[in-house]
Amino acid sequence: MPTISMFYGIVIMMYHDDHNPPHFHARYQGFNASFTFDGELLKGEMPRKQHQLITAWARIHQDELIANWDLAKEEEQLFRINPLQ
């Protein structure tokens, strides 16, 4: 699964052959979850602090996430998105 960003120990990934609704995956110290592009938890678990960081990052980079999702649907290479700073 392509990694599109990393920050504060959180790894953000997006599948190229995934299903709707549009979403991304996050891993952090044994926790795994999927999120909508506005940071809503779809599936899995994430500690509260990391969930808040992921939500902030997703809201800042929503347009880039949408662009990557469109690339993924076309099986194109995804681009990296800047980390939360």
N, C-alpha and C. Protein backbone atom coordinates (compact mmCIF):
# COMPACT_ATOMS: atom_id res chain seq x y z
N MET A 1 0.86 -1.17 0.00
CA MET A 1 0.00 0.00 0.00
C MET A 1 0.90 1.23 0.00
N PRO A 2 0.72 2.12 -0.96
CA PRO A 2 1.58 3.30 -1.05
C PRO A 2 1.42 4.25 0.15
N THR A 3 2.55 4.63 0.71
CA THR A 3 2.57 5.63 1.78
C THR A 3 2.55 7.00 1.13
N ILE A 4 1.60 7.84 1.55
CA ILE A 4 1.51 9.18 0.96
C ILE A 4 1.96 10.27 1.93
N SER A 5 2.07 9.95 3.23
CA SER A 5 2.55 10.94 4.19
C SER A 5 2.92 10.24 5.50
N MET A 6 3.77 10.90 6.28
CA MET A 6 4.16 10.43 7.60
C MET A 6 4.39 11.64 8.49
N PHE A 7 3.87 11.58 9.71
CA PHE A 7 4.09 12.65 10.68
C PHE A 7 3.80 12.13 12.08
N TYR A 8 4.62 12.54 13.03
CA TYR A 8 4.45 12.19 14.45
C TYR A 8 4.23 10.69 14.67
N GLY A 9 4.92 9.86 13.91
CA GLY A 9 4.80 8.41 14.05
C GLY A 9 3.59 7.82 13.36
N ILE A 10 2.80 8.66 12.69
CA ILE A 10 1.60 8.21 11.98
C ILE A 10 1.98 8.01 10.51
N VAL A 11 1.58 6.88 9.96
CA VAL A 11 1.82 6.59 8.54
C VAL A 11 0.47 6.63 7.83
N ILE A 12 0.39 7.43 6.77
CA ILE A 12 -0.83 7.59 5.99
C ILE A 12 -0.64 6.89 4.65
N MET A 13 -1.60 6.04 4.30
CA MET A 13 -1.51 5.25 3.06
C MET A 13 -2.83 5.31 2.30
N MET A 14 -2.74 5.00 1.01
CA MET A 14 -3.94 4.92 0.18
C MET A 14 -3.75 3.78 -0.81
N TYR A 15 -4.75 2.91 -0.89
CA TYR A 15 -4.72 1.81 -1.86
C TYR A 15 -5.03 2.33 -3.25
N HIS A 16 -4.49 1.65 -4.25
CA HIS A 16 -4.83 2.05 -5.61
C HIS A 16 -6.04 1.30 -6.13
N ASP A 17 -6.44 0.23 -5.45
CA ASP A 17 -7.59 -0.55 -5.92
C ASP A 17 -8.65 -0.68 -4.83
N ASP A 18 -8.81 0.37 -4.06
CA ASP A 18 -9.71 0.32 -2.91
C ASP A 18 -11.14 0.64 -3.33
N HIS A 19 -12.04 0.60 -2.40
CA HIS A 19 -13.47 0.75 -2.60
C HIS A 19 -13.96 2.11 -2.09
N ASN A 20 -15.19 2.44 -2.46
CA ASN A 20 -15.81 3.66 -1.97
C ASN A 20 -16.33 3.44 -0.56
N PRO A 21 -16.56 4.47 0.24
CA PRO A 21 -16.34 5.88 -0.08
C PRO A 21 -14.86 6.22 -0.11
N PRO A 22 -14.50 7.33 -0.75
CA PRO A 22 -13.10 7.74 -0.77
C PRO A 22 -12.55 7.86 0.65
N HIS A 23 -11.37 7.29 0.84
CA HIS A 23 -10.79 7.27 2.18
C HIS A 23 -9.29 7.00 2.11
N PHE A 24 -8.65 7.11 3.26
CA PHE A 24 -7.24 6.74 3.38
C PHE A 24 -7.08 5.92 4.66
N HIS A 25 -5.94 5.29 4.79
CA HIS A 25 -5.64 4.44 5.93
C HIS A 25 -4.53 5.08 6.76
N ALA A 26 -4.60 4.88 8.07
CA ALA A 26 -3.57 5.40 8.97
C ALA A 26 -3.13 4.28 9.91
N ARG A 27 -1.81 4.25 10.19
CA ARG A 27 -1.25 3.32 11.17
C ARG A 27 -0.48 4.11 12.20
N TYR A 28 -0.57 3.64 13.44
CA TYR A 28 0.19 4.26 14.51
C TYR A 28 0.36 3.23 15.62
N GLN A 29 1.58 2.81 15.87
CA GLN A 29 1.92 1.91 16.97
C GLN A 29 0.91 0.78 17.18
N GLY A 30 0.64 0.03 16.16
CA GLY A 30 -0.26 -1.11 16.26
C GLY A 30 -1.73 -0.79 16.04
N PHE A 31 -2.08 0.48 15.95
CA PHE A 31 -3.45 0.88 15.64
C PHE A 31 -3.58 1.05 14.13
N ASN A 32 -4.71 0.63 13.60
CA ASN A 32 -5.00 0.77 12.17
C ASN A 32 -6.42 1.30 12.03
N ALA A 33 -6.59 2.27 11.13
CA ALA A 33 -7.92 2.83 10.93
C ALA A 33 -8.02 3.41 9.52
N SER A 34 -9.24 3.55 9.05
CA SER A 34 -9.48 4.25 7.79
C SER A 34 -10.34 5.47 8.09
N PHE A 35 -10.10 6.54 7.31
CA PHE A 35 -10.73 7.84 7.53
C PHE A 35 -11.24 8.42 6.22
N THR A 36 -12.33 9.19 6.31
CA THR A 36 -12.78 9.96 5.15
C THR A 36 -11.82 11.13 4.95
N PHE A 37 -11.99 11.84 3.88
CA PHE A 37 -11.10 12.96 3.59
C PHE A 37 -11.36 14.17 4.48
N ASP A 38 -12.40 14.14 5.29
CA ASP A 38 -12.59 15.20 6.28
C ASP A 38 -12.21 14.73 7.68
N GLY A 39 -11.60 13.54 7.77
CA GLY A 39 -11.07 13.06 9.03
C GLY A 39 -12.01 12.22 9.86
N GLU A 40 -13.16 11.86 9.32
CA GLU A 40 -14.10 11.02 10.05
C GLU A 40 -13.61 9.57 10.07
N LEU A 41 -13.63 8.95 11.22
CA LEU A 41 -13.23 7.56 11.37
C LEU A 41 -14.26 6.65 10.72
N LEU A 42 -13.82 5.84 9.75
CA LEU A 42 -14.72 4.90 9.08
C LEU A 42 -14.66 3.52 9.72
N LYS A 43 -13.43 3.09 10.03
CA LYS A 43 -13.23 1.72 10.51
C LYS A 43 -11.93 1.66 11.30
N GLY A 44 -11.91 0.83 12.31
CA GLY A 44 -10.70 0.62 13.08
C GLY A 44 -10.65 1.49 14.33
N GLU A 45 -9.46 1.58 14.88
CA GLU A 45 -9.25 2.35 16.11
C GLU A 45 -7.98 3.19 15.99
N MET A 46 -8.01 4.33 16.69
CA MET A 46 -6.86 5.23 16.72
C MET A 46 -6.93 5.98 18.05
N PRO A 47 -5.81 6.14 18.74
CA PRO A 47 -5.84 6.94 19.98
C PRO A 47 -6.37 8.35 19.69
N ARG A 48 -7.01 8.92 20.69
CA ARG A 48 -7.68 10.23 20.54
C ARG A 48 -6.74 11.30 19.99
N LYS A 49 -5.56 11.44 20.57
CA LYS A 49 -4.63 12.49 20.13
C LYS A 49 -4.25 12.31 18.66
N GLN A 50 -3.93 11.09 18.26
CA GLN A 50 -3.55 10.83 16.88
C GLN A 50 -4.75 11.02 15.95
N HIS A 51 -5.92 10.64 16.40
CA HIS A 51 -7.12 10.87 15.60
C HIS A 51 -7.29 12.36 15.33
N GLN A 52 -7.08 13.19 16.34
CA GLN A 52 -7.19 14.64 16.16
C GLN A 52 -6.14 15.16 15.17
N LEU A 53 -4.92 14.64 15.26
CA LEU A 53 -3.86 15.05 14.33
C LEU A 53 -4.21 14.64 12.90
N ILE A 54 -4.71 13.44 12.74
CA ILE A 54 -5.09 12.93 11.41
C ILE A 54 -6.23 13.77 10.84
N THR A 55 -7.21 14.11 11.67
CA THR A 55 -8.33 14.93 11.21
C THR A 55 -7.85 16.31 10.75
N ALA A 56 -6.97 16.93 11.52
CA ALA A 56 -6.42 18.24 11.13
C ALA A 56 -5.67 18.13 9.81
N TRP A 57 -4.84 17.11 9.68
CA TRP A 57 -4.06 16.91 8.46
C TRP A 57 -4.99 16.72 7.26
N ALA A 58 -6.02 15.87 7.43
CA ALA A 58 -6.94 15.58 6.33
C ALA A 58 -7.68 16.83 5.87
N ARG A 59 -8.10 17.65 6.80
CA ARG A 59 -8.84 18.87 6.44
C ARG A 59 -7.95 19.85 5.70
N ILE A 60 -6.69 19.93 6.09
CA ILE A 60 -5.74 20.81 5.41
C ILE A 60 -5.46 20.32 3.99
N HIS A 61 -5.40 19.01 3.81
CA HIS A 61 -4.96 18.43 2.54
C HIS A 61 -6.10 17.74 1.78
N GLN A 62 -7.32 18.16 2.03
CA GLN A 62 -8.46 17.50 1.41
C GLN A 62 -8.39 17.49 -0.12
N ASP A 63 -8.03 18.59 -0.73
CA ASP A 63 -7.94 18.64 -2.20
C ASP A 63 -6.88 17.67 -2.73
N GLU A 64 -5.76 17.57 -2.03
CA GLU A 64 -4.71 16.66 -2.45
C GLU A 64 -5.14 15.20 -2.28
N LEU A 65 -5.89 14.92 -1.22
CA LEU A 65 -6.40 13.56 -1.02
C LEU A 65 -7.36 13.18 -2.16
N ILE A 66 -8.22 14.10 -2.54
CA ILE A 66 -9.15 13.86 -3.65
C ILE A 66 -8.37 13.60 -4.94
N ALA A 67 -7.34 14.40 -5.19
CA ALA A 67 -6.53 14.21 -6.39
C ALA A 67 -5.85 12.85 -6.38
N ASN A 68 -5.33 12.44 -5.23
CA ASN A 68 -4.70 11.12 -5.13
C ASN A 68 -5.73 10.01 -5.34
N TRP A 69 -6.93 10.18 -4.80
CA TRP A 69 -7.97 9.17 -4.99
C TRP A 69 -8.28 9.01 -6.47
N ASP A 70 -8.37 10.13 -7.18
CA ASP A 70 -8.62 10.08 -8.62
C ASP A 70 -7.48 9.36 -9.35
N LEU A 71 -6.26 9.62 -8.95
CA LEU A 71 -5.12 8.90 -9.53
C LEU A 71 -5.21 7.41 -9.23
N ALA A 72 -5.57 7.08 -8.00
CA ALA A 72 -5.67 5.68 -7.59
C ALA A 72 -6.71 4.93 -8.43
N LYS A 73 -7.83 5.58 -8.71
CA LYS A 73 -8.86 4.94 -9.53
C LYS A 73 -8.35 4.63 -10.93
N GLU A 74 -7.42 5.44 -11.42
CA GLU A 74 -6.84 5.24 -12.75
C GLU A 74 -5.58 4.37 -12.69
N GLU A 75 -5.28 3.85 -11.49
CA GLU A 75 -4.10 3.03 -11.25
C GLU A 75 -2.80 3.77 -11.61
N GLU A 76 -2.80 5.07 -11.36
CA GLU A 76 -1.63 5.90 -11.55
C GLU A 76 -0.84 5.99 -10.24
N GLN A 77 0.40 6.42 -10.34
CA GLN A 77 1.23 6.58 -9.15
C GLN A 77 0.72 7.75 -8.31
N LEU A 78 0.62 7.53 -7.01
CA LEU A 78 0.16 8.57 -6.10
C LEU A 78 1.33 9.48 -5.72
N PHE A 79 1.01 10.71 -5.36
CA PHE A 79 2.06 11.64 -4.95
C PHE A 79 2.07 11.79 -3.43
N ARG A 80 3.20 12.19 -2.91
CA ARG A 80 3.35 12.42 -1.47
C ARG A 80 2.64 13.72 -1.09
N ILE A 81 2.07 13.72 0.12
CA ILE A 81 1.41 14.90 0.66
C ILE A 81 2.21 15.35 1.87
N ASN A 82 2.42 16.64 1.99
CA ASN A 82 3.22 17.18 3.08
C ASN A 82 2.69 16.73 4.44
N PRO A 83 3.59 16.48 5.36
CA PRO A 83 3.18 16.08 6.71
C PRO A 83 2.61 17.25 7.49
N LEU A 84 1.94 16.93 8.59
CA LEU A 84 1.49 17.93 9.52
C LEU A 84 2.71 18.47 10.26
N GLN A 85 2.80 19.79 10.40
CA GLN A 85 3.97 20.36 11.05
C GLN A 85 3.59 21.22 12.22
